[in-house]
Amino acid sequence: MTDPGGGGTAPVRRSRLAEYADMAGPARDDDAPPAPAPSAPLMSPAAQPAAAPAHADAGAEPEAGTDSRAAAEARRRWFTEALADFRDTAVLVPVVDDGWLTTDFGGVRWILAFSDERALARYALARDAGEEEWTYQTVLGARLLDVAVPEAKVPCGVALDAADGAEHALLLPPVAGIVPDAFAVNQGYMGDVAMAARTEGQR
């Protein structure tokens, strides 16, 4: 689990997420498989982020299946807007064993975040855990990417609403432009050096 060191509001304990079952309804992607346990991969980290957060107003995602420069540029603009919206939005991050809920896959640690209680309820219900008590923190997206990712001490990204399938989840991998350059895998990942320098500078 990832240390919540980045901070956030005090944990909020819900009695049961089952109370949101009727509100949550089925996952928005009817073809999406049930969400696995946190120890199993939720989606391929190689997958391109597929959608903006549920509350985002970043516009419709450009249609896939074309290699035209115009389509590529439209997709780039769309993702830039989706990323900006995520950074400016508070999301829910479940707390497990004094750390944030994460999954490790493909050499990357993914912090699991949810846009709202309904999205979290869909995840819980897909895992047959709707009757369990869940504790979560409300954390600004920018704080996850700028603070929590570096403090993971391993290559780390964020998966938003991962239980909703590739068409509705937002995957934020640890690459330049999304996380700090020192912690980006396509920049050589100098996280250990950067964190050591940051610690030394705080003394």
C-alpha atoms as a PDB file:
ATOM      1  CA  MET A   1       0.000   0.000   0.000  1.00  0.00           C
ATOM      2  CA  THR A   2       1.131   3.540  -0.626  1.00  0.00           C
ATOM      3  CA  ASP A   3       1.827   5.778   2.334  1.00  0.00           C
ATOM      4  CA  PRO A   4      -0.697   8.630   2.293  1.00  0.00           C
ATOM      5  CA  GLY A   5       2.177  10.976   3.116  1.00  0.00           C
ATOM      6  CA  GLY A   6       0.909  13.496   0.592  1.00  0.00           C
ATOM      7  CA  GLY A   7      -1.868  14.344   2.987  1.00  0.00           C
ATOM      8  CA  GLY A   8      -5.573  14.897   2.503  1.00  0.00           C
ATOM      9  CA  THR A   9      -8.648  15.304   4.610  1.00  0.00           C
ATOM     10  CA  ALA A  10      -9.276  13.040   7.562  1.00  0.00           C
ATOM     11  CA  PRO A  11     -10.460   9.548   6.600  1.00  0.00           C
ATOM     12  CA  VAL A  12     -14.216   9.258   6.176  1.00  0.00           C
ATOM     13  CA  ARG A  13     -15.660   5.904   7.201  1.00  0.00           C
ATOM     14  CA  ARG A  14     -18.760   4.748   5.399  1.00  0.00           C
ATOM     15  CA  SER A  15     -20.927   2.198   7.179  1.00  0.00           C
ATOM     16  CA  ARG A  16     -21.441   0.237   3.949  1.00  0.00           C
ATOM     17  CA  LEU A  17     -21.130   0.958   0.271  1.00  0.00           C
ATOM     18  CA  ALA A  18     -24.056  -1.352  -0.380  1.00  0.00           C
ATOM     19  CA  GLU A  19     -26.303   1.623   0.351  1.00  0.00           C
ATOM     20  CA  TYR A  20     -25.124   3.066  -2.968  1.00  0.00           C
ATOM     21  CA  ALA A  21     -25.907  -0.098  -4.940  1.00  0.00           C
ATOM     22  CA  ASP A  22     -29.116   1.196  -6.489  1.00  0.00           C
ATOM     23  CA  MET A  23     -27.584   4.595  -7.163  1.00  0.00           C
ATOM     24  CA  ALA A  24     -24.424   3.173  -8.685  1.00  0.00           C
ATOM     25  CA  GLY A  25     -26.108   0.777 -11.089  1.00  0.00           C
ATOM     26  CA  PRO A  26     -24.022  -1.372 -13.385  1.00  0.00           C
ATOM     27  CA  ALA A  27     -20.593  -0.312 -14.528  1.00  0.00           C
ATOM     28  CA  ARG A  28     -20.829   2.107 -17.418  1.00  0.00           C
ATOM     29  CA  ASP A  29     -18.974  -0.264 -19.755  1.00  0.00           C
ATOM     30  CA  ASP A  30     -21.256  -3.284 -20.129  1.00  0.00           C
ATOM     31  CA  ASP A  31     -18.441  -5.323 -21.635  1.00  0.00           C
ATOM     32  CA  ALA A  32     -15.972  -4.596 -18.846  1.00  0.00           C
ATOM     33  CA  PRO A  33     -14.957  -7.571 -16.687  1.00  0.00           C
ATOM     34  CA  PRO A  34     -15.508  -7.476 -12.917  1.00  0.00           C
ATOM     35  CA  ALA A  35     -12.820  -5.620 -11.038  1.00  0.00           C
ATOM     36  CA  PRO A  36     -10.221  -7.970  -9.544  1.00  0.00           C
ATOM     37  CA  ALA A  37      -8.741  -7.843  -6.074  1.00  0.00           C
ATOM     38  CA  PRO A  38      -6.185  -5.050  -5.482  1.00  0.00           C
ATOM     39  CA  SER A  39      -3.285  -7.498  -5.890  1.00  0.00           C
ATOM     40  CA  ALA A  40      -4.271  -8.219  -9.499  1.00  0.00           C
ATOM     41  CA  PRO A  41      -3.894  -5.867 -12.470  1.00  0.00           C
ATOM     42  CA  LEU A  42      -6.942  -3.779 -13.286  1.00  0.00           C
ATOM     43  CA  MET A  43      -5.946  -2.932 -16.842  1.00  0.00           C
ATOM     44  CA  SER A  44      -2.875  -2.944 -19.002  1.00  0.00           C
ATOM     45  CA  PRO A  45      -0.621   0.019 -18.181  1.00  0.00           C
ATOM     46  CA  ALA A  46       0.176   0.155 -21.880  1.00  0.00           C
ATOM     47  CA  ALA A  47      -3.431   1.079 -22.640  1.00  0.00           C
ATOM     48  CA  GLN A  48      -3.964   4.680 -23.693  1.00  0.00           C
ATOM     49  CA  PRO A  49      -6.045   6.674 -21.188  1.00  0.00           C
ATOM     50  CA  ALA A  50      -9.528   6.194 -22.491  1.00  0.00           C
ATOM     51  CA  ALA A  51     -11.783   8.819 -20.958  1.00  0.00           C
ATOM     52  CA  ALA A  52     -12.008  11.879 -18.806  1.00  0.00           C
ATOM     53  CA  PRO A  53     -13.275  11.689 -15.214  1.00  0.00           C
ATOM     54  CA  ALA A  54     -17.041  11.316 -14.925  1.00  0.00           C
ATOM     55  CA  HIS A  55     -17.361  14.898 -13.693  1.00  0.00           C
ATOM     56  CA  ALA A  56     -15.022  16.325 -16.330  1.00  0.00           C
ATOM     57  CA  ASP A  57     -16.159  18.556 -19.147  1.00  0.00           C
ATOM     58  CA  ALA A  58     -13.178  17.938 -21.383  1.00  0.00           C
ATOM     59  CA  GLY A  59     -15.306  17.223 -24.441  1.00  0.00           C
ATOM     60  CA  ALA A  60     -15.885  13.969 -26.253  1.00  0.00           C
ATOM     61  CA  GLU A  61     -12.933  11.700 -26.832  1.00  0.00           C
ATOM     62  CA  PRO A  62     -11.776  11.716 -30.458  1.00  0.00           C
ATOM     63  CA  GLU A  63     -12.711   8.607 -32.378  1.00  0.00           C
ATOM     64  CA  ALA A  64     -10.040   5.924 -32.564  1.00  0.00           C
ATOM     65  CA  GLY A  65      -9.077   3.968 -35.641  1.00  0.00           C
ATOM     66  CA  THR A  66      -7.470   6.739 -37.673  1.00  0.00           C
ATOM     67  CA  ASP A  67      -3.818   7.670 -37.985  1.00  0.00           C
ATOM     68  CA  SER A  68      -4.398  11.161 -39.322  1.00  0.00           C
ATOM     69  CA  ARG A  69      -2.440  13.998 -37.788  1.00  0.00           C
ATOM     70  CA  ALA A  70      -5.670  15.844 -37.049  1.00  0.00           C
ATOM     71  CA  ALA A  71      -7.029  12.918 -35.027  1.00  0.00           C
ATOM     72  CA  ALA A  72      -3.746  12.511 -33.163  1.00  0.00           C
ATOM     73  CA  GLU A  73      -3.692  16.209 -32.318  1.00  0.00           C
ATOM     74  CA  ALA A  74      -7.334  16.121 -31.210  1.00  0.00           C
ATOM     75  CA  ARG A  75      -6.578  13.179 -28.927  1.00  0.00           C
ATOM     76  CA  ARG A  76      -3.576  14.980 -27.492  1.00  0.00           C
ATOM     77  CA  ARG A  77      -5.685  18.076 -26.740  1.00  0.00           C
ATOM     78  CA  TRP A  78      -8.416  15.917 -25.232  1.00  0.00           C
ATOM     79  CA  PHE A  79      -6.031  14.137 -22.885  1.00  0.00           C
ATOM     80  CA  THR A  80      -4.376  17.422 -21.897  1.00  0.00           C
ATOM     81  CA  GLU A  81      -7.797  18.738 -20.843  1.00  0.00           C
ATOM     82  CA  ALA A  82      -8.663  15.497 -19.027  1.00  0.00           C
ATOM     83  CA  LEU A  83      -5.357  15.625 -17.123  1.00  0.00           C
ATOM     84  CA  ALA A  84      -5.888  19.270 -16.166  1.00  0.00           C
ATOM     85  CA  ASP A  85      -9.389  18.454 -14.918  1.00  0.00           C
ATOM     86  CA  PHE A  86      -8.058  15.562 -12.835  1.00  0.00           C
ATOM     87  CA  ARG A  87      -5.354  17.736 -11.267  1.00  0.00           C
ATOM     88  CA  ASP A  88      -7.937  20.336 -10.227  1.00  0.00           C
ATOM     89  CA  THR A  89     -10.457  17.831  -8.848  1.00  0.00           C
ATOM     90  CA  ALA A  90     -10.672  16.151  -5.442  1.00  0.00           C
ATOM     91  CA  VAL A  91     -10.988  12.364  -5.770  1.00  0.00           C
ATOM     92  CA  LEU A  92     -11.622   9.539  -3.319  1.00  0.00           C
ATOM     93  CA  VAL A  93      -8.732   7.241  -2.409  1.00  0.00           C
ATOM     94  CA  PRO A  94      -9.555   4.161  -0.268  1.00  0.00           C
ATOM     95  CA  VAL A  95      -7.350   3.620   2.774  1.00  0.00           C
ATOM     96  CA  VAL A  96      -6.229   0.072   3.586  1.00  0.00           C
ATOM     97  CA  ASP A  97      -3.853  -0.835   6.423  1.00  0.00           C
ATOM     98  CA  ASP A  98      -2.837   2.808   6.916  1.00  0.00           C
ATOM     99  CA  GLY A  99      -1.921   3.154   3.246  1.00  0.00           C
ATOM    100  CA  TRP A 100      -3.718   4.018   0.053  1.00  0.00           C
ATOM    101  CA  LEU A 101      -5.235   1.259  -2.051  1.00  0.00           C
ATOM    102  CA  THR A 102      -2.773   0.303  -4.805  1.00  0.00           C
ATOM    103  CA  THR A 103      -2.000  -2.475  -7.242  1.00  0.00           C
ATOM    104  CA  ASP A 104       1.371  -3.397  -8.741  1.00  0.00           C
ATOM    105  CA  PHE A 105       1.527  -4.408 -12.390  1.00  0.00           C
ATOM    106  CA  GLY A 106       4.161  -4.315 -15.098  1.00  0.00           C
ATOM    107  CA  GLY A 107       6.763  -2.804 -12.800  1.00  0.00           C
ATOM    108  CA  VAL A 108       4.475   0.119 -11.933  1.00  0.00           C
ATOM    109  CA  ARG A 109       2.490   0.808  -8.777  1.00  0.00           C
ATOM    110  CA  TRP A 110      -0.978   2.234  -9.418  1.00  0.00           C
ATOM    111  CA  ILE A 111      -2.857   4.297  -6.841  1.00  0.00           C
ATOM    112  CA  LEU A 112      -6.569   3.513  -7.188  1.00  0.00           C
ATOM    113  CA  ALA A 113      -8.727   6.639  -7.062  1.00  0.00           C
ATOM    114  CA  PHE A 114     -12.431   7.193  -7.684  1.00  0.00           C
ATOM    115  CA  SER A 115     -14.308  10.212  -8.977  1.00  0.00           C
ATOM    116  CA  ASP A 116     -17.163   9.861  -6.472  1.00  0.00           C
ATOM    117  CA  GLU A 117     -18.890   7.450  -4.076  1.00  0.00           C
ATOM    118  CA  ARG A 118     -20.862   5.828  -6.882  1.00  0.00           C
ATOM    119  CA  ALA A 119     -17.668   4.911  -8.730  1.00  0.00           C
ATOM    120  CA  LEU A 120     -16.207   3.538  -5.517  1.00  0.00           C
ATOM    121  CA  ALA A 121     -19.420   1.593  -4.926  1.00  0.00           C
ATOM    122  CA  ARG A 122     -19.165   0.001  -8.377  1.00  0.00           C
ATOM    123  CA  TYR A 123     -15.640  -1.105  -7.562  1.00  0.00           C
ATOM    124  CA  ALA A 124     -16.697  -2.521  -4.194  1.00  0.00           C
ATOM    125  CA  LEU A 125     -19.701  -4.337  -5.630  1.00  0.00           C
ATOM    126  CA  ALA A 126     -17.638  -5.809  -8.468  1.00  0.00           C
ATOM    127  CA  ARG A 127     -15.365  -7.284  -5.806  1.00  0.00           C
ATOM    128  CA  ASP A 128     -18.314  -8.579  -3.757  1.00  0.00           C
ATOM    129  CA  ALA A 129     -17.248  -6.183  -1.026  1.00  0.00           C
ATOM    130  CA  GLY A 130     -20.277  -3.910  -0.950  1.00  0.00           C
ATOM    131  CA  GLU A 131     -21.196  -5.005   2.571  1.00  0.00           C
ATOM    132  CA  GLU A 132     -17.772  -4.142   3.959  1.00  0.00           C
ATOM    133  CA  GLU A 133     -16.843  -0.892   5.632  1.00  0.00           C
ATOM    134  CA  TRP A 134     -14.627   1.323   3.525  1.00  0.00           C
ATOM    135  CA  THR A 135     -12.435   4.196   4.641  1.00  0.00           C
ATOM    136  CA  TYR A 136     -11.251   6.759   2.137  1.00  0.00           C
ATOM    137  CA  GLN A 137      -9.581  10.127   1.930  1.00  0.00           C
ATOM    138  CA  THR A 138     -10.489  13.015  -0.329  1.00  0.00           C
ATOM    139  CA  VAL A 139      -7.326  14.108  -2.116  1.00  0.00           C
ATOM    140  CA  LEU A 140      -6.670  16.675  -4.823  1.00  0.00           C
ATOM    141  CA  GLY A 141      -5.568  14.992  -8.047  1.00  0.00           C
ATOM    142  CA  ALA A 142      -2.519  17.236  -8.323  1.00  0.00           C
ATOM    143  CA  ARG A 143      -1.400  16.125  -4.876  1.00  0.00           C
ATOM    144  CA  LEU A 144      -1.537  12.484  -5.917  1.00  0.00           C
ATOM    145  CA  LEU A 145       0.621  13.120  -8.993  1.00  0.00           C
ATOM    146  CA  ASP A 146       3.044  15.637  -7.487  1.00  0.00           C
ATOM    147  CA  VAL A 147       3.421  14.332  -3.930  1.00  0.00           C
ATOM    148  CA  ALA A 148       2.113  10.776  -3.527  1.00  0.00           C
ATOM    149  CA  VAL A 149       3.754   9.453  -6.700  1.00  0.00           C
ATOM    150  CA  PRO A 150       7.259  10.568  -5.650  1.00  0.00           C
ATOM    151  CA  GLU A 151       6.730   9.258  -2.123  1.00  0.00           C
ATOM    152  CA  ALA A 152       5.893   5.780  -3.447  1.00  0.00           C
ATOM    153  CA  LYS A 153       9.661   5.328  -4.042  1.00  0.00           C
ATOM    154  CA  VAL A 154       8.927   3.148  -7.086  1.00  0.00           C
ATOM    155  CA  PRO A 155       7.525   4.002 -10.543  1.00  0.00           C
ATOM    156  CA  CYS A 156       3.936   4.957  -9.736  1.00  0.00           C
ATOM    157  CA  GLY A 157       0.852   6.207 -11.558  1.00  0.00           C
ATOM    158  CA  VAL A 158      -2.843   6.750 -10.844  1.00  0.00           C
ATOM    159  CA  ALA A 159      -5.843   4.785 -12.119  1.00  0.00           C
ATOM    160  CA  LEU A 160      -9.162   6.644 -11.843  1.00  0.00           C
ATOM    161  CA  ASP A 161     -12.405   4.630 -11.791  1.00  0.00           C
ATOM    162  CA  ALA A 162     -10.520   1.513 -12.903  1.00  0.00           C
ATOM    163  CA  ALA A 163     -13.532  -0.754 -12.323  1.00  0.00           C
ATOM    164  CA  ASP A 164     -15.501   1.034 -15.032  1.00  0.00           C
ATOM    165  CA  GLY A 165     -13.565  -0.443 -17.947  1.00  0.00           C
ATOM    166  CA  ALA A 166     -11.171   1.002 -20.485  1.00  0.00           C
ATOM    167  CA  GLU A 167     -13.830   3.159 -22.101  1.00  0.00           C
ATOM    168  CA  HIS A 168     -14.543   5.116 -18.927  1.00  0.00           C
ATOM    169  CA  ALA A 169     -11.452   4.856 -16.731  1.00  0.00           C
ATOM    170  CA  LEU A 170      -8.607   7.353 -16.808  1.00  0.00           C
ATOM    171  CA  LEU A 171      -5.109   5.890 -16.633  1.00  0.00           C
ATOM    172  CA  LEU A 172      -2.278   8.259 -15.663  1.00  0.00           C
ATOM    173  CA  PRO A 173       1.036   6.421 -16.081  1.00  0.00           C
ATOM    174  CA  PRO A 174       4.354   7.637 -14.653  1.00  0.00           C
ATOM    175  CA  VAL A 175       5.594   9.457 -17.748  1.00  0.00           C
ATOM    176  CA  ALA A 176       6.848  12.987 -18.338  1.00  0.00           C
ATOM    177  CA  GLY A 177       4.082  15.548 -18.494  1.00  0.00           C
ATOM    178  CA  ILE A 178       1.954  13.602 -16.013  1.00  0.00           C
ATOM    179  CA  VAL A 179       4.282  13.067 -13.048  1.00  0.00           C
ATOM    180  CA  PRO A 180       7.440  15.005 -12.114  1.00  0.00           C
ATOM    181  CA  ASP A 181      10.228  14.296 -14.629  1.00  0.00           C
ATOM    182  CA  ALA A 182      12.507  12.687 -12.041  1.00  0.00           C
ATOM    183  CA  PHE A 183       9.825  10.060 -11.393  1.00  0.00           C
ATOM    184  CA  ALA A 184       8.909   9.408 -15.032  1.00  0.00           C
ATOM    185  CA  VAL A 185       9.891   6.033 -16.457  1.00  0.00           C
ATOM    186  CA  ASN A 186      10.519   7.539 -19.896  1.00  0.00           C
ATOM    187  CA  GLN A 187      13.028   9.929 -18.345  1.00  0.00           C
ATOM    188  CA  GLY A 188      15.121   7.210 -16.737  1.00  0.00           C
ATOM    189  CA  TYR A 189      13.349   7.324 -13.349  1.00  0.00           C
ATOM    190  CA  MET A 190      15.728   9.097 -10.983  1.00  0.00           C
ATOM    191  CA  GLY A 191      13.274   8.897  -8.107  1.00  0.00           C
ATOM    192  CA  ASP A 192      15.708   7.614  -5.509  1.00  0.00           C
ATOM    193  CA  VAL A 193      18.213  10.357  -6.306  1.00  0.00           C
ATOM    194  CA  ALA A 194      15.529  13.041  -6.400  1.00  0.00           C
ATOM    195  CA  MET A 195      14.008  11.988  -3.080  1.00  0.00           C
ATOM    196  CA  ALA A 196      17.461  11.848  -1.459  1.00  0.00           C
ATOM    197  CA  ALA A 197      18.199  15.358  -2.708  1.00  0.00           C
ATOM    198  CA  ARG A 198      14.816  16.584  -1.499  1.00  0.00           C
ATOM    199  CA  THR A 199      15.423  15.087   1.947  1.00  0.00           C
ATOM    200  CA  GLU A 200      18.895  16.620   2.116  1.00  0.00           C
ATOM    201  CA  GLY A 201      17.533  20.007   1.145  1.00  0.00           C
ATOM    202  CA  GLN A 202      14.983  19.894   3.957  1.00  0.00           C
ATOM    203  CA  ARG A 203      17.629  19.419   6.629  1.00  0.00           C
END
